[in-house]
Amino acid sequence: MNDALDKDLDALVDDILASYRAERGTQRIGEQFLPSRMRIVEMLEEIRQVLFPGYFGRTALTDENVRYHLGNLLVRLGEDLIRQIESCLRYATGARQATGDGRAADIAHQFLRRIPAVRKMLVLDAQAAYDGDPAAKSIDEVIYCYPGFFAIAVYRVAHELLTLGVPLMPRIMTEYAHSVTGVDIHPGAVIGKSFFIDHGTGVVIGETTRIGDQVKIYQGVTLGALSFPKDERGRVIKGLQRHPTIEDHVTIYANATILGGGTVIGKGVTVGGNTFITSSITAGSTVTHQTHPGPARQRKPPAK
């Protein structure tokens, strides 16, 4: 330690401690440890090994060893899930000690039982990416390389945990994927089958977004909130649908922005790049960006 810092150390410690006391909402002195972000990210990688055997991890899998490998992986993953879920539940309630009521173990077991269903959804997502991207050479390439698919896989895992009532952990997972890929999918969003994000970077999908089946979106797309209703004390009211609904078979091209909880993009709509939409779009329409000032223009489908 240099001489100047050595002489000033006591005063520096006092100043920093004073800031802790002044801003108590940003320190947790005397509180229980938060769940381990590092371990949750590690578990996420182990969950991917379960979902996509042979793609990730260091063990070469064969028909002879896969059962043994999977069993060991599930035991280790189950134990760590229980510990981290227990920590998340304690965080949410402010409890300092483990509840001992078995809720964390029950949630971990329910989550692991859902893995086949999550895997089925992700198989459809991978196929949608392969079918929708002429540059994709194989399903392997999608699963192993595509950042959009990685973000969707993390979202589907996190969404299951959120549905099971786990606080904090789902957001840790999706924000990790956000930091790695640039794709921000809130775990509370509801996303249907065969979802494809092409290129990925800059995509934002808000908490109350509803997306149907066979939807394809490109980089830079925002599915966001138009406004935030507040209560009589000026606080944002939570729990309302703030983000749009995207129905089946919709394609949204790069840098489009769609805002508002009352905004519904109808079935089969094509949303052109750089459009800005704050009102509902009729099914089968095409929405394009105008080069002159003015709102996006909707071209309605021909009458039958």
Protein backbone atom coordinates (compact mmCIF):
# COMPACT_ATOMS: atom_id res chain seq x y z
CA MET A 1 0.00 0.00 0.00
CA ASN A 2 1.39 3.43 -0.85
CA ASP A 3 2.16 5.95 1.90
CA ALA A 4 -0.57 8.41 0.95
CA LEU A 5 -3.31 5.78 1.10
CA ASP A 6 -1.87 4.34 4.31
CA LYS A 7 -2.11 7.73 6.04
CA ASP A 8 -5.61 8.39 4.70
CA LEU A 9 -7.03 4.89 5.22
CA ASP A 10 -9.05 5.56 8.38
CA ALA A 11 -10.68 8.67 6.93
CA LEU A 12 -11.42 6.84 3.66
CA VAL A 13 -13.04 3.91 5.49
CA ASP A 14 -15.15 6.35 7.54
CA ASP A 15 -16.35 8.14 4.40
CA ILE A 16 -17.31 4.90 2.65
CA LEU A 17 -19.08 3.58 5.76
CA ALA A 18 -21.01 6.85 5.94
CA SER A 19 -22.16 6.33 2.35
CA TYR A 20 -23.36 2.84 3.32
CA ARG A 21 -25.46 4.33 6.12
CA ALA A 22 -26.82 7.09 3.89
CA GLU A 23 -27.87 4.75 1.08
CA ARG A 24 -29.13 1.65 2.83
CA GLY A 25 -31.02 0.40 -0.21
CA THR A 26 -27.74 -0.43 -1.99
CA GLN A 27 -25.98 -2.44 0.71
CA ARG A 28 -26.81 -5.74 2.38
CA ILE A 29 -24.67 -5.63 5.51
CA GLY A 30 -26.17 -7.99 8.09
CA GLU A 31 -28.38 -9.62 5.47
CA GLN A 32 -28.23 -13.19 4.17
CA PHE A 33 -26.15 -13.92 1.10
CA LEU A 34 -27.93 -13.57 -2.21
CA PRO A 35 -28.18 -16.64 -4.46
CA SER A 36 -24.90 -17.40 -6.23
CA ARG A 37 -25.02 -15.80 -9.66
CA MET A 38 -21.91 -17.75 -10.66
CA ARG A 39 -23.44 -21.09 -9.68
CA ILE A 40 -26.74 -20.27 -11.40
CA VAL A 41 -24.87 -19.55 -14.65
CA GLU A 42 -22.96 -22.83 -14.23
CA MET A 43 -26.25 -24.67 -13.67
CA LEU A 44 -27.60 -23.10 -16.82
CA GLU A 45 -24.73 -24.63 -18.78
CA GLU A 46 -25.43 -28.01 -17.16
CA ILE A 47 -29.11 -27.71 -18.06
CA ARG A 48 -28.06 -27.13 -21.67
CA GLN A 49 -26.03 -30.35 -21.48
CA VAL A 50 -29.22 -32.16 -20.43
CA LEU A 51 -31.30 -30.47 -23.14
CA PHE A 52 -28.77 -31.04 -25.95
CA PRO A 53 -26.71 -34.16 -25.18
CA GLY A 54 -23.37 -34.32 -26.94
CA TYR A 55 -23.27 -30.62 -27.88
CA PHE A 56 -21.88 -29.19 -24.65
CA GLY A 57 -19.66 -30.44 -21.85
CA ARG A 58 -16.46 -32.50 -21.96
CA THR A 59 -17.75 -36.05 -22.04
CA ALA A 60 -18.06 -37.88 -25.36
CA LEU A 61 -21.45 -39.57 -25.13
CA THR A 62 -22.31 -43.01 -26.47
CA ASP A 63 -25.36 -45.23 -26.28
CA GLU A 64 -23.53 -47.16 -23.56
CA ASN A 65 -22.60 -44.27 -21.23
CA VAL A 66 -25.35 -41.70 -21.77
CA ARG A 67 -27.67 -43.09 -19.10
CA TYR A 68 -24.93 -43.09 -16.46
CA HIS A 69 -23.75 -39.61 -17.48
CA LEU A 70 -27.28 -38.17 -17.45
CA GLY A 71 -28.08 -39.70 -14.07
CA ASN A 72 -24.97 -38.22 -12.46
CA LEU A 73 -25.63 -34.85 -14.06
CA LEU A 74 -29.24 -34.76 -12.85
CA VAL A 75 -28.25 -35.68 -9.29
CA ARG A 76 -25.65 -32.91 -9.11
CA LEU A 77 -27.93 -30.43 -10.84
CA GLY A 78 -30.87 -31.32 -8.60
CA GLU A 79 -28.86 -30.78 -5.41
CA ASP A 80 -27.59 -27.40 -6.56
CA LEU A 81 -31.01 -26.35 -7.81
CA ILE A 82 -32.47 -27.04 -4.37
CA ARG A 83 -29.78 -24.94 -2.67
CA GLN A 84 -30.12 -22.00 -5.05
CA ILE A 85 -33.92 -22.09 -5.14
CA GLU A 86 -33.95 -22.17 -1.32
CA SER A 87 -31.70 -19.13 -1.31
CA CYS A 88 -34.00 -17.33 -3.76
CA LEU A 89 -37.06 -18.13 -1.64
CA ARG A 90 -35.31 -16.89 1.49
CA TYR A 91 -34.32 -13.71 -0.32
CA ALA A 92 -37.93 -13.07 -1.34
CA THR A 93 -39.29 -13.55 2.18
CA GLY A 94 -36.38 -12.05 4.13
CA ALA A 95 -35.89 -15.28 6.09
CA ARG A 96 -32.41 -15.80 7.54
CA GLN A 97 -32.68 -19.55 7.92
CA ALA A 98 -33.78 -22.32 5.58
CA THR A 99 -37.51 -22.94 5.77
CA GLY A 100 -37.15 -26.71 5.96
CA ASP A 101 -40.61 -27.09 4.39
CA GLY A 102 -39.35 -28.92 1.32
CA ARG A 103 -40.69 -26.32 -1.10
CA ALA A 104 -37.33 -25.80 -2.83
CA ALA A 105 -36.91 -29.54 -3.35
CA ASP A 106 -40.44 -29.82 -4.72
CA ILE A 107 -39.86 -26.97 -7.18
CA ALA A 108 -36.52 -28.42 -8.30
CA HIS A 109 -38.17 -31.79 -8.91
CA GLN A 110 -41.06 -30.21 -10.85
CA PHE A 111 -38.60 -28.26 -12.99
CA LEU A 112 -36.54 -31.33 -13.85
CA ARG A 113 -39.72 -33.20 -14.76
CA ARG A 114 -40.48 -30.42 -17.28
CA ILE A 115 -37.20 -30.81 -19.16
CA PRO A 116 -38.68 -33.13 -21.85
CA ALA A 117 -41.38 -30.53 -22.58
CA VAL A 118 -38.82 -27.70 -22.71
CA ARG A 119 -36.66 -29.80 -25.00
CA LYS A 120 -39.63 -30.41 -27.31
CA MET A 121 -40.21 -26.65 -27.61
CA LEU A 122 -36.53 -25.99 -28.30
CA VAL A 123 -36.43 -28.65 -31.00
CA LEU A 124 -39.19 -26.72 -32.77
CA ASP A 125 -37.30 -23.44 -32.26
CA ALA A 126 -34.13 -24.95 -33.74
CA GLN A 127 -36.07 -26.26 -36.72
CA ALA A 128 -37.69 -22.85 -37.23
CA ALA A 129 -34.23 -21.24 -37.28
CA TYR A 130 -32.93 -23.77 -39.78
CA ASP A 131 -36.00 -23.46 -42.01
CA GLY A 132 -36.05 -19.67 -41.78
CA ASP A 133 -32.39 -18.89 -42.40
CA PRO A 134 -30.93 -19.82 -45.79
CA ALA A 135 -27.44 -19.37 -44.30
CA ALA A 136 -28.00 -22.15 -41.75
CA LYS A 137 -26.23 -25.30 -42.91
CA SER A 138 -27.58 -27.65 -40.24
CA ILE A 139 -29.57 -27.93 -37.01
CA ASP A 140 -26.22 -28.52 -35.29
CA GLU A 141 -25.06 -25.08 -36.41
CA VAL A 142 -28.20 -23.47 -34.96
CA ILE A 143 -27.92 -25.19 -31.58
CA TYR A 144 -24.17 -24.78 -31.24
CA CYS A 145 -23.62 -21.31 -32.71
CA TYR A 146 -26.69 -19.09 -32.99
CA PRO A 147 -26.95 -16.37 -30.31
CA GLY A 148 -30.68 -15.96 -30.92
CA PHE A 149 -31.26 -19.64 -30.25
CA PHE A 150 -29.10 -19.50 -27.12
CA ALA A 151 -31.18 -16.58 -25.81
CA ILE A 152 -34.42 -18.46 -26.54
CA ALA A 153 -33.12 -21.60 -24.78
CA VAL A 154 -32.22 -19.61 -21.68
CA TYR A 155 -35.58 -17.85 -21.79
CA ARG A 156 -37.50 -21.14 -21.95
CA VAL A 157 -35.61 -22.51 -18.94
CA ALA A 158 -36.06 -19.27 -16.98
CA HIS A 159 -39.76 -19.05 -17.87
CA GLU A 160 -40.39 -22.51 -16.43
CA LEU A 161 -38.70 -21.53 -13.16
CA LEU A 162 -40.69 -18.29 -13.00
CA THR A 163 -43.91 -20.21 -13.62
CA LEU A 164 -43.00 -22.47 -10.70
CA GLY A 165 -42.69 -19.44 -8.43
CA VAL A 166 -38.91 -19.04 -8.21
CA PRO A 167 -37.92 -15.39 -7.62
CA LEU A 168 -34.72 -13.73 -8.86
CA MET A 169 -33.10 -16.80 -10.49
CA PRO A 170 -35.05 -16.52 -13.78
CA ARG A 171 -33.93 -12.89 -14.16
CA ILE A 172 -30.32 -13.81 -13.38
CA MET A 173 -30.49 -16.35 -16.19
CA THR A 174 -32.04 -14.11 -18.85
CA GLU A 175 -29.80 -11.16 -17.99
CA TYR A 176 -26.80 -13.47 -18.37
CA ALA A 177 -28.05 -14.38 -21.85
CA HIS A 178 -28.65 -10.67 -22.51
CA SER A 179 -25.06 -9.84 -21.57
CA VAL A 180 -23.70 -12.59 -23.83
CA THR A 181 -25.95 -12.17 -26.89
CA GLY A 182 -27.48 -8.69 -26.77
CA VAL A 183 -30.93 -10.30 -26.77
CA ASP A 184 -33.09 -9.18 -23.83
CA ILE A 185 -36.06 -11.50 -23.25
CA HIS A 186 -37.85 -11.07 -19.94
CA PRO A 187 -38.65 -14.47 -18.39
CA GLY A 188 -42.25 -13.36 -17.86
CA ALA A 189 -42.98 -13.08 -21.58
CA VAL A 190 -45.14 -15.84 -23.07
CA ILE A 191 -43.73 -17.21 -26.33
CA GLY A 192 -45.31 -19.92 -28.46
CA LYS A 193 -43.87 -22.70 -30.62
CA SER A 194 -41.29 -22.42 -33.40
CA PHE A 195 -39.89 -19.02 -32.44
CA PHE A 196 -36.90 -17.67 -34.36
CA ILE A 197 -34.70 -14.64 -33.72
CA ASP A 198 -32.38 -14.00 -36.68
CA HIS A 199 -29.02 -12.33 -35.94
CA GLY A 200 -30.23 -11.42 -32.47
CA THR A 201 -28.36 -8.33 -31.34
CA GLY A 202 -30.50 -5.53 -29.92
CA VAL A 203 -33.75 -7.48 -29.58
CA VAL A 204 -35.92 -6.50 -26.59
CA ILE A 205 -38.98 -8.50 -25.52
CA GLY A 206 -40.75 -7.07 -22.47
CA GLU A 207 -42.21 -8.84 -19.48
CA THR A 208 -45.88 -8.91 -20.54
CA THR A 209 -45.32 -9.59 -24.24
CA ARG A 210 -47.44 -12.37 -25.73
CA ILE A 211 -46.08 -14.10 -28.85
CA GLY A 212 -47.91 -16.80 -30.79
CA ASP A 213 -46.61 -19.72 -32.84
CA GLN A 214 -44.21 -19.54 -35.80
CA VAL A 215 -43.11 -15.95 -35.25
CA LYS A 216 -39.85 -14.69 -36.75
CA ILE A 217 -38.09 -11.48 -35.72
CA TYR A 218 -34.84 -9.86 -36.77
CA GLN A 219 -32.14 -7.84 -35.02
CA GLY A 220 -32.98 -4.59 -33.30
CA VAL A 221 -36.68 -5.34 -32.79
CA THR A 222 -38.28 -3.88 -29.67
CA LEU A 223 -41.52 -5.24 -28.22
CA GLY A 224 -41.90 -2.66 -25.49
CA ALA A 225 -44.20 -0.56 -23.33
CA LEU A 226 -45.80 2.63 -24.56
CA SER A 227 -46.56 4.08 -21.13
CA PHE A 228 -46.46 3.15 -17.45
CA PRO A 229 -49.74 3.76 -15.57
CA LYS A 230 -49.14 5.04 -12.03
CA ASP A 231 -51.11 4.85 -8.80
CA GLU A 232 -52.21 7.80 -6.66
CA ARG A 233 -48.75 7.92 -5.06
CA GLY A 234 -47.01 8.17 -8.42
CA ARG A 235 -45.64 4.62 -8.40
CA VAL A 236 -45.75 2.45 -11.50
CA ILE A 237 -48.62 -0.06 -11.30
CA LYS A 238 -47.24 -3.55 -11.74
CA GLY A 239 -49.01 -6.57 -13.19
CA LEU A 240 -50.73 -4.84 -16.11
CA GLN A 241 -50.05 -5.86 -19.71
CA ARG A 242 -47.70 -3.15 -20.93
CA HIS A 243 -46.26 -4.90 -23.98
CA PRO A 244 -47.79 -5.97 -27.30
CA THR A 245 -49.39 -9.19 -28.42
CA ILE A 246 -47.93 -10.80 -31.54
CA GLU A 247 -50.21 -13.42 -33.09
CA ASP A 248 -49.22 -16.51 -35.11
CA HIS A 249 -47.14 -16.47 -38.31
CA VAL A 250 -45.90 -12.88 -37.91
CA THR A 251 -42.58 -11.69 -39.34
CA ILE A 252 -40.99 -8.54 -37.89
CA TYR A 253 -38.00 -7.14 -39.77
CA ALA A 254 -34.95 -5.35 -38.40
CA ASN A 255 -35.22 -2.35 -36.06
CA ALA A 256 -39.01 -2.32 -35.92
CA THR A 257 -40.51 -0.97 -32.70
CA ILE A 258 -43.90 -2.16 -31.47
CA LEU A 259 -45.21 -0.63 -28.26
CA GLY A 260 -48.18 -0.87 -25.93
CA GLY A 261 -50.21 -3.43 -24.04
CA GLY A 262 -53.24 -2.81 -26.22
CA THR A 263 -51.32 -3.27 -29.46
CA VAL A 264 -52.13 -6.51 -31.28
CA ILE A 265 -50.24 -7.56 -34.38
CA GLY A 266 -52.67 -9.83 -36.17
CA LYS A 267 -52.05 -13.27 -37.59
CA GLY A 268 -49.85 -13.39 -40.65
CA VAL A 269 -48.77 -9.73 -40.51
CA THR A 270 -45.43 -8.68 -42.01
CA VAL A 271 -43.83 -5.71 -40.24
CA GLY A 272 -41.23 -3.95 -42.34
CA GLY A 273 -37.88 -2.75 -41.06
CA ASN A 274 -37.61 0.52 -39.09
CA THR A 275 -41.36 0.80 -38.55
CA PHE A 276 -42.78 2.35 -35.37
CA ILE A 277 -46.13 0.90 -34.32
CA THR A 278 -48.36 1.89 -31.40
CA SER A 279 -51.73 0.61 -32.59
CA SER A 280 -53.10 -2.75 -33.64
CA ILE A 281 -52.54 -4.17 -37.13
CA THR A 282 -55.17 -6.17 -39.02
CA ALA A 283 -54.39 -9.83 -39.69
CA GLY A 284 -52.68 -10.49 -43.00
CA SER A 285 -51.51 -6.90 -43.46
CA THR A 286 -48.08 -5.59 -44.40
CA VAL A 287 -46.70 -2.58 -42.52
CA THR A 288 -43.98 -0.51 -44.15
CA HIS A 289 -41.80 2.42 -43.14
CA GLN A 290 -42.41 5.65 -45.03
CA THR A 291 -39.39 7.67 -46.16
CA HIS A 292 -41.25 10.96 -45.66
CA PRO A 293 -42.41 12.17 -42.21
CA GLY A 294 -45.41 10.36 -40.88
CA PRO A 295 -46.46 7.10 -39.23
CA ALA A 296 -45.90 3.62 -40.60
CA ARG A 297 -48.31 2.70 -43.39
CA GLN A 298 -50.49 -0.40 -43.23
CA ARG A 299 -51.36 -2.18 -46.45
CA LYS A 300 -54.42 -4.25 -45.68
CA PRO A 301 -54.98 -7.69 -47.18
CA PRO A 302 -57.31 -7.88 -50.19
CA ALA A 303 -60.96 -8.49 -49.43
CA LYS A 304 -62.13 -12.04 -49.96
